[in-house]
Amino acid sequence: MTNGDGFFTFASVPVGTYALTVESPGFQVYKADSISLGGGERRNVNVALAVGTTSQTVEVNAEIAP
């Protein structure tokens, strides 16, 4: 979850390489791989979510009255 300005924080993340996935209903999923973090490092990742597609299925059944 982000704050009101769209920022999020992970505290005490070990040094390493990470993958980031951002998703929200109605938008396409954003994925970024190979994000390397060092000790005590701050990193900004600017994410722009693209509007996703929606799909809806409607099934109609009818019978002819005698």
Protein backbone atom coordinates (compact mmCIF):
# COMPACT_ATOMS: atom_id res chain seq x y z
CA MET A 1 0.00 0.00 0.00
CA THR A 2 1.23 3.49 -0.77
CA ASN A 3 0.71 6.67 1.19
CA GLY A 4 -1.38 9.57 -0.12
CA ASP A 5 1.52 10.76 -2.30
CA GLY A 6 2.06 7.32 -3.86
CA PHE A 7 5.22 6.45 -1.91
CA PHE A 8 5.92 3.20 -0.12
CA THR A 9 8.74 2.13 2.16
CA PHE A 10 10.31 -1.23 2.96
CA ALA A 11 12.39 -1.10 6.13
CA SER A 12 15.34 -3.39 6.84
CA VAL A 13 15.46 -5.04 3.43
CA PRO A 14 18.58 -7.22 3.07
CA VAL A 15 21.12 -6.41 0.36
CA GLY A 16 20.15 -8.24 -2.81
CA THR A 17 18.35 -8.21 -6.13
CA TYR A 18 14.58 -7.94 -6.15
CA ALA A 19 11.58 -8.05 -8.47
CA LEU A 20 8.81 -5.47 -8.12
CA THR A 21 5.17 -6.09 -9.04
CA VAL A 22 2.53 -3.36 -8.82
CA GLU A 23 -1.13 -4.10 -9.42
CA SER A 24 -4.45 -2.37 -8.89
CA PRO A 25 -7.95 -3.27 -10.09
CA GLY A 26 -8.68 -1.84 -13.55
CA PHE A 27 -5.00 -1.44 -14.48
CA GLN A 28 -2.41 -3.60 -16.19
CA VAL A 29 0.16 -5.24 -13.90
CA TYR A 30 3.56 -3.52 -13.78
CA LYS A 31 6.63 -5.74 -13.30
CA ALA A 32 10.29 -4.76 -12.91
CA ASP A 33 13.04 -7.35 -12.47
CA SER A 34 16.65 -7.10 -11.34
CA ILE A 35 16.34 -4.18 -8.91
CA SER A 36 19.62 -4.27 -6.97
CA LEU A 37 19.67 -2.79 -3.48
CA GLY A 38 22.77 -2.12 -1.42
CA GLY A 39 23.03 -1.51 2.32
CA GLY A 40 21.18 1.58 3.57
CA GLU A 41 20.28 2.58 0.02
CA ARG A 42 17.14 4.46 -0.98
CA ARG A 43 15.67 3.77 -4.39
CA ASN A 44 12.89 5.46 -6.32
CA VAL A 45 11.06 3.44 -8.95
CA ASN A 46 8.63 5.55 -10.96
CA VAL A 47 5.68 3.42 -11.96
CA ALA A 48 2.96 4.48 -14.38
CA LEU A 49 0.07 2.03 -14.50
CA ALA A 50 -1.65 1.65 -17.86
CA VAL A 51 -5.41 1.31 -17.93
CA GLY A 52 -6.33 -2.34 -18.24
CA THR A 53 -8.96 -4.04 -20.27
CA THR A 54 -12.25 -5.17 -18.87
CA SER A 55 -14.29 -8.10 -19.92
CA GLN A 56 -17.77 -9.15 -19.05
CA THR A 57 -19.75 -12.19 -20.05
CA VAL A 58 -23.52 -12.06 -20.29
CA GLU A 59 -25.47 -15.24 -20.86
CA VAL A 60 -29.09 -15.06 -21.93
CA ASN A 61 -31.36 -18.10 -21.98
CA ALA A 62 -34.85 -18.00 -23.45
CA GLU A 63 -37.59 -20.46 -24.25
CA ILE A 64 -40.44 -20.12 -26.70
CA ALA A 65 -43.77 -20.11 -24.91
CA PRO A 66 -46.21 -22.83 -26.11
